[in-house]
Amino acid sequence: MAEYEKLKDWLLSRRDELNVRLGRIKKDVTRRANADWSEQAQERENDEVIDQLGNEAQAELNLVNKALDRMNYDDYGYCIGCGGEIAEARLAAMPYADLCIKCAEKRDQAS
C-alpha cells in the first residue's frame, strides 16, 4: 500500500482543487444579473458554459471521493468489474480508475 501514498496525496490535492473550483463557480452563478439586456444575454450564454464546467468538476470530484473511499476500505487498486488488480500504470495515469483495462474496454464496447 505504500506505493499508493503518492496517489492518495494527489487525490486529496485534486479534491481540494475541485472544491475550490466548485466554490468559484457557485459564486459566479449566483452573481447579480446585469441591468443591460444585451449584457444579460451574453451572461446567460456564459452561464451555460459555467454550468457545464461545474457539472464536469462535480463528476470528477465524485470519482476522486470514491477512490479515496476505496483506499479507506482497502479496495483501492482492484477492479469493481472482475475483482482483479488494476495495473499500476493505469492508476498512475488515472488515479480514480475503478476498472481494469479489460473491463473498461468491455464497458466501452457495450455503450
N, C-alpha and C. Protein backbone atom coordinates (compact mmCIF):
# COMPACT_ATOMS: atom_id res chain seq x y z
N MET A 1 0.80 -1.21 0.00
CA MET A 1 0.00 0.00 0.00
C MET A 1 0.84 1.28 0.00
N ALA A 2 2.12 1.14 0.33
CA ALA A 2 2.98 2.32 0.37
C ALA A 2 3.05 3.00 -0.99
N GLU A 3 2.97 2.20 -2.08
CA GLU A 3 3.03 2.79 -3.41
C GLU A 3 1.82 3.66 -3.71
N TYR A 4 0.77 3.51 -2.93
CA TYR A 4 -0.44 4.30 -3.15
C TYR A 4 -0.42 5.64 -2.41
N GLU A 5 0.59 5.88 -1.58
CA GLU A 5 0.64 7.13 -0.82
C GLU A 5 0.71 8.35 -1.74
N LYS A 6 1.52 8.28 -2.80
CA LYS A 6 1.62 9.39 -3.75
C LYS A 6 0.27 9.61 -4.43
N LEU A 7 -0.38 8.52 -4.79
CA LEU A 7 -1.69 8.64 -5.44
C LEU A 7 -2.71 9.23 -4.47
N LYS A 8 -2.65 8.81 -3.22
CA LYS A 8 -3.57 9.36 -2.22
C LYS A 8 -3.34 10.86 -2.04
N ASP A 9 -2.07 11.26 -1.97
CA ASP A 9 -1.75 12.68 -1.85
C ASP A 9 -2.30 13.45 -3.05
N TRP A 10 -2.13 12.88 -4.26
CA TRP A 10 -2.64 13.54 -5.45
C TRP A 10 -4.16 13.65 -5.40
N LEU A 11 -4.81 12.57 -4.99
CA LEU A 11 -6.28 12.58 -4.92
C LEU A 11 -6.77 13.61 -3.90
N LEU A 12 -6.11 13.71 -2.76
CA LEU A 12 -6.50 14.70 -1.75
C LEU A 12 -6.29 16.12 -2.27
N SER A 13 -5.18 16.33 -2.95
CA SER A 13 -4.90 17.64 -3.54
C SER A 13 -5.91 17.98 -4.62
N ARG A 14 -6.24 17.00 -5.46
CA ARG A 14 -7.21 17.22 -6.53
C ARG A 14 -8.58 17.52 -5.96
N ARG A 15 -8.94 16.81 -4.87
CA ARG A 15 -10.23 17.07 -4.22
C ARG A 15 -10.30 18.51 -3.74
N ASP A 16 -9.23 19.00 -3.14
CA ASP A 16 -9.20 20.40 -2.68
C ASP A 16 -9.34 21.37 -3.85
N GLU A 17 -8.61 21.10 -4.94
CA GLU A 17 -8.70 21.96 -6.13
C GLU A 17 -10.12 22.00 -6.68
N LEU A 18 -10.75 20.84 -6.76
CA LEU A 18 -12.11 20.78 -7.31
C LEU A 18 -13.11 21.48 -6.41
N ASN A 19 -12.94 21.35 -5.10
CA ASN A 19 -13.83 22.06 -4.18
C ASN A 19 -13.69 23.57 -4.31
N VAL A 20 -12.46 24.05 -4.48
CA VAL A 20 -12.24 25.49 -4.70
C VAL A 20 -12.89 25.92 -6.01
N ARG A 21 -12.70 25.12 -7.07
CA ARG A 21 -13.29 25.44 -8.37
C ARG A 21 -14.81 25.50 -8.27
N LEU A 22 -15.40 24.52 -7.61
CA LEU A 22 -16.86 24.49 -7.47
C LEU A 22 -17.36 25.70 -6.67
N GLY A 23 -16.60 26.10 -5.66
CA GLY A 23 -16.97 27.28 -4.89
C GLY A 23 -16.97 28.54 -5.75
N ARG A 24 -15.95 28.66 -6.60
CA ARG A 24 -15.88 29.82 -7.50
C ARG A 24 -17.02 29.81 -8.52
N ILE A 25 -17.32 28.63 -9.02
CA ILE A 25 -18.40 28.51 -10.00
C ILE A 25 -19.73 28.88 -9.35
N LYS A 26 -19.95 28.40 -8.14
CA LYS A 26 -21.19 28.72 -7.43
C LYS A 26 -21.30 30.22 -7.20
N LYS A 27 -20.20 30.84 -6.82
CA LYS A 27 -20.19 32.28 -6.61
C LYS A 27 -20.50 33.02 -7.90
N ASP A 28 -19.94 32.56 -9.01
CA ASP A 28 -20.15 33.19 -10.30
C ASP A 28 -21.60 33.04 -10.76
N VAL A 29 -22.17 31.86 -10.53
CA VAL A 29 -23.54 31.60 -10.98
C VAL A 29 -24.55 32.42 -10.17
N THR A 30 -24.24 32.67 -8.91
CA THR A 30 -25.20 33.39 -8.06
C THR A 30 -25.00 34.91 -8.08
N ARG A 31 -24.13 35.38 -8.97
CA ARG A 31 -23.92 36.83 -9.05
C ARG A 31 -25.18 37.53 -9.55
N ARG A 32 -25.24 38.78 -9.29
CA ARG A 32 -26.39 39.57 -9.70
C ARG A 32 -26.35 39.84 -11.20
N ALA A 33 -27.49 39.75 -11.85
CA ALA A 33 -27.56 39.96 -13.30
C ALA A 33 -27.34 41.43 -13.65
N ASN A 34 -26.77 41.66 -14.80
CA ASN A 34 -26.53 42.99 -15.32
C ASN A 34 -27.85 43.63 -15.73
N ALA A 35 -27.96 44.92 -15.59
CA ALA A 35 -29.20 45.63 -15.95
C ALA A 35 -29.36 45.76 -17.46
N ASP A 36 -28.29 45.74 -18.19
CA ASP A 36 -28.33 45.87 -19.65
C ASP A 36 -28.77 44.53 -20.27
N TRP A 37 -29.83 44.59 -21.11
CA TRP A 37 -30.39 43.37 -21.70
C TRP A 37 -29.39 42.62 -22.57
N SER A 38 -28.62 43.33 -23.36
CA SER A 38 -27.64 42.65 -24.22
C SER A 38 -26.56 41.98 -23.37
N GLU A 39 -26.19 42.62 -22.29
CA GLU A 39 -25.21 42.02 -21.38
C GLU A 39 -25.81 40.78 -20.71
N GLN A 40 -27.09 40.83 -20.37
CA GLN A 40 -27.75 39.68 -19.75
C GLN A 40 -27.75 38.48 -20.70
N ALA A 41 -27.97 38.74 -21.99
CA ALA A 41 -27.97 37.65 -22.96
C ALA A 41 -26.60 36.98 -23.01
N GLN A 42 -25.57 37.79 -23.02
CA GLN A 42 -24.21 37.24 -23.02
C GLN A 42 -23.94 36.48 -21.73
N GLU A 43 -24.39 37.00 -20.60
CA GLU A 43 -24.19 36.34 -19.31
C GLU A 43 -24.89 34.98 -19.28
N ARG A 44 -26.08 34.91 -19.88
CA ARG A 44 -26.81 33.64 -19.91
C ARG A 44 -26.06 32.59 -20.74
N GLU A 45 -25.47 33.02 -21.84
CA GLU A 45 -24.67 32.10 -22.64
C GLU A 45 -23.46 31.62 -21.82
N ASN A 46 -22.84 32.55 -21.12
CA ASN A 46 -21.70 32.19 -20.28
C ASN A 46 -22.13 31.24 -19.16
N ASP A 47 -23.33 31.46 -18.62
CA ASP A 47 -23.83 30.60 -17.55
C ASP A 47 -23.94 29.15 -17.98
N GLU A 48 -24.30 28.92 -19.24
CA GLU A 48 -24.39 27.55 -19.75
C GLU A 48 -23.02 26.88 -19.74
N VAL A 49 -22.01 27.63 -20.12
CA VAL A 49 -20.64 27.10 -20.11
C VAL A 49 -20.21 26.84 -18.66
N ILE A 50 -20.49 27.78 -17.79
CA ILE A 50 -20.12 27.64 -16.38
C ILE A 50 -20.84 26.44 -15.76
N ASP A 51 -22.11 26.26 -16.09
CA ASP A 51 -22.85 25.11 -15.58
C ASP A 51 -22.19 23.80 -16.01
N GLN A 52 -21.79 23.73 -17.27
CA GLN A 52 -21.14 22.52 -17.78
C GLN A 52 -19.81 22.28 -17.06
N LEU A 53 -19.04 23.35 -16.87
CA LEU A 53 -17.77 23.22 -16.13
C LEU A 53 -18.03 22.73 -14.71
N GLY A 54 -19.08 23.24 -14.09
CA GLY A 54 -19.44 22.81 -12.75
C GLY A 54 -19.85 21.35 -12.72
N ASN A 55 -20.61 20.92 -13.72
CA ASN A 55 -21.03 19.51 -13.80
C ASN A 55 -19.83 18.59 -13.96
N GLU A 56 -18.88 19.00 -14.81
CA GLU A 56 -17.68 18.20 -15.03
C GLU A 56 -16.82 18.14 -13.77
N ALA A 57 -16.69 19.26 -13.08
CA ALA A 57 -15.91 19.29 -11.84
C ALA A 57 -16.57 18.42 -10.78
N GLN A 58 -17.89 18.47 -10.69
CA GLN A 58 -18.61 17.65 -9.71
C GLN A 58 -18.47 16.17 -10.03
N ALA A 59 -18.52 15.82 -11.30
CA ALA A 59 -18.37 14.42 -11.70
C ALA A 59 -16.96 13.91 -11.34
N GLU A 60 -15.95 14.74 -11.61
CA GLU A 60 -14.59 14.33 -11.26
C GLU A 60 -14.43 14.25 -9.74
N LEU A 61 -15.02 15.18 -9.02
CA LEU A 61 -14.96 15.16 -7.56
C LEU A 61 -15.58 13.87 -7.02
N ASN A 62 -16.68 13.43 -7.62
CA ASN A 62 -17.30 12.18 -7.19
C ASN A 62 -16.35 11.00 -7.41
N LEU A 63 -15.66 10.98 -8.55
CA LEU A 63 -14.70 9.91 -8.83
C LEU A 63 -13.55 9.93 -7.82
N VAL A 64 -13.06 11.11 -7.52
CA VAL A 64 -11.97 11.26 -6.55
C VAL A 64 -12.41 10.76 -5.18
N ASN A 65 -13.60 11.16 -4.75
CA ASN A 65 -14.10 10.74 -3.44
C ASN A 65 -14.30 9.23 -3.37
N LYS A 66 -14.78 8.64 -4.46
CA LYS A 66 -14.95 7.18 -4.49
C LYS A 66 -13.60 6.48 -4.38
N ALA A 67 -12.59 7.01 -5.06
CA ALA A 67 -11.25 6.42 -4.99
C ALA A 67 -10.71 6.51 -3.56
N LEU A 68 -10.91 7.65 -2.92
CA LEU A 68 -10.45 7.81 -1.54
C LEU A 68 -11.20 6.87 -0.61
N ASP A 69 -12.48 6.67 -0.85
CA ASP A 69 -13.25 5.70 -0.06
C ASP A 69 -12.70 4.30 -0.25
N ARG A 70 -12.39 3.94 -1.49
CA ARG A 70 -11.82 2.61 -1.75
C ARG A 70 -10.49 2.44 -1.02
N MET A 71 -9.71 3.52 -0.96
CA MET A 71 -8.45 3.46 -0.22
C MET A 71 -8.71 3.20 1.26
N ASN A 72 -9.69 3.89 1.81
CA ASN A 72 -10.01 3.73 3.23
C ASN A 72 -10.48 2.32 3.56
N TYR A 73 -11.11 1.65 2.60
CA TYR A 73 -11.62 0.30 2.83
C TYR A 73 -10.72 -0.78 2.23
N ASP A 74 -9.49 -0.39 1.85
CA ASP A 74 -8.51 -1.31 1.25
C ASP A 74 -9.03 -2.01 0.00
N ASP A 75 -9.90 -1.34 -0.75
CA ASP A 75 -10.40 -1.86 -2.02
C ASP A 75 -9.73 -1.18 -3.20
N TYR A 76 -8.88 -0.20 -2.92
CA TYR A 76 -8.25 0.57 -3.98
C TYR A 76 -7.29 -0.31 -4.77
N GLY A 77 -7.31 -0.14 -6.07
CA GLY A 77 -6.41 -0.89 -6.93
C GLY A 77 -6.99 -2.20 -7.44
N TYR A 78 -8.24 -2.46 -7.06
CA TYR A 78 -8.91 -3.67 -7.51
C TYR A 78 -10.11 -3.29 -8.38
N CYS A 79 -10.27 -4.00 -9.46
CA CYS A 79 -11.33 -3.74 -10.43
C CYS A 79 -12.70 -4.07 -9.82
N ILE A 80 -13.65 -3.15 -9.97
CA ILE A 80 -15.00 -3.41 -9.47
C ILE A 80 -15.77 -4.32 -10.42
N GLY A 81 -15.21 -4.57 -11.60
CA GLY A 81 -15.86 -5.46 -12.57
C GLY A 81 -15.51 -6.91 -12.35
N CYS A 82 -14.22 -7.20 -12.28
CA CYS A 82 -13.77 -8.60 -12.19
C CYS A 82 -13.06 -8.93 -10.89
N GLY A 83 -12.70 -7.91 -10.11
CA GLY A 83 -12.01 -8.14 -8.85
C GLY A 83 -10.51 -8.26 -8.97
N GLY A 84 -10.01 -8.25 -10.21
CA GLY A 84 -8.57 -8.34 -10.42
C GLY A 84 -7.88 -7.03 -10.10
N GLU A 85 -6.55 -7.09 -10.07
CA GLU A 85 -5.79 -5.87 -9.79
C GLU A 85 -5.79 -4.94 -11.00
N ILE A 86 -5.84 -3.66 -10.73
CA ILE A 86 -5.71 -2.64 -11.77
C ILE A 86 -4.23 -2.33 -11.92
N ALA A 87 -3.74 -2.31 -13.13
CA ALA A 87 -2.31 -2.08 -13.38
C ALA A 87 -1.87 -0.74 -12.79
N GLU A 88 -0.66 -0.75 -12.22
CA GLU A 88 -0.12 0.46 -11.61
C GLU A 88 -0.02 1.60 -12.63
N ALA A 89 0.32 1.27 -13.86
CA ALA A 89 0.43 2.30 -14.90
C ALA A 89 -0.93 2.95 -15.14
N ARG A 90 -1.99 2.17 -15.11
CA ARG A 90 -3.35 2.72 -15.28
C ARG A 90 -3.69 3.65 -14.12
N LEU A 91 -3.38 3.22 -12.91
CA LEU A 91 -3.66 4.06 -11.74
C LEU A 91 -2.80 5.32 -11.74
N ALA A 92 -1.58 5.22 -12.23
CA ALA A 92 -0.73 6.40 -12.31
C ALA A 92 -1.30 7.41 -13.30
N ALA A 93 -1.87 6.89 -14.40
CA ALA A 93 -2.45 7.77 -15.42
C ALA A 93 -3.81 8.30 -15.00
N MET A 94 -4.57 7.48 -14.30
CA MET A 94 -5.93 7.85 -13.89
C MET A 94 -6.16 7.30 -12.47
N PRO A 95 -5.72 8.06 -11.45
CA PRO A 95 -5.76 7.56 -10.07
C PRO A 95 -7.13 7.16 -9.55
N TYR A 96 -8.19 7.62 -10.19
CA TYR A 96 -9.52 7.24 -9.71
C TYR A 96 -10.15 6.13 -10.55
N ALA A 97 -9.33 5.45 -11.35
CA ALA A 97 -9.84 4.32 -12.14
C ALA A 97 -10.36 3.23 -11.21
N ASP A 98 -11.53 2.69 -11.55
CA ASP A 98 -12.08 1.61 -10.74
C ASP A 98 -12.30 0.33 -11.57
N LEU A 99 -11.86 0.39 -12.84
CA LEU A 99 -11.94 -0.78 -13.73
C LEU A 99 -10.57 -1.06 -14.32
N CYS A 100 -10.26 -2.33 -14.46
CA CYS A 100 -9.04 -2.71 -15.17
C CYS A 100 -9.25 -2.41 -16.66
N ILE A 101 -8.19 -2.50 -17.42
CA ILE A 101 -8.28 -2.20 -18.86
C ILE A 101 -9.31 -3.09 -19.55
N LYS A 102 -9.28 -4.39 -19.27
CA LYS A 102 -10.21 -5.31 -19.93
C LYS A 102 -11.66 -4.94 -19.66
N CYS A 103 -11.98 -4.70 -18.40
CA CYS A 103 -13.37 -4.37 -18.04
C CYS A 103 -13.77 -3.00 -18.59
N ALA A 104 -12.84 -2.06 -18.62
CA ALA A 104 -13.14 -0.74 -19.19
C ALA A 104 -13.41 -0.85 -20.68
N GLU A 105 -12.63 -1.67 -21.37
CA GLU A 105 -12.86 -1.86 -22.80
C GLU A 105 -14.20 -2.53 -23.07
N LYS A 106 -14.54 -3.53 -22.24
CA LYS A 106 -15.84 -4.19 -22.39
C LYS A 106 -16.97 -3.20 -22.19
N ARG A 107 -16.85 -2.35 -21.19
CA ARG A 107 -17.88 -1.34 -20.92
C ARG A 107 -18.00 -0.37 -22.09
N ASP A 108 -16.87 0.05 -22.64
CA ASP A 108 -16.89 1.00 -23.76
C ASP A 108 -17.49 0.37 -25.00
N GLN A 109 -17.22 -0.91 -25.23
CA GLN A 109 -17.77 -1.59 -26.39
C GLN A 109 -19.28 -1.80 -26.26
N ALA A 110 -19.74 -1.97 -25.02
CA ALA A 110 -21.17 -2.20 -24.79
C ALA A 110 -21.98 -0.92 -24.95
N SER A 111 -21.32 0.25 -24.79
CA SER A 111 -22.08 1.50 -24.89
C SER A 111 -22.21 2.01 -26.28
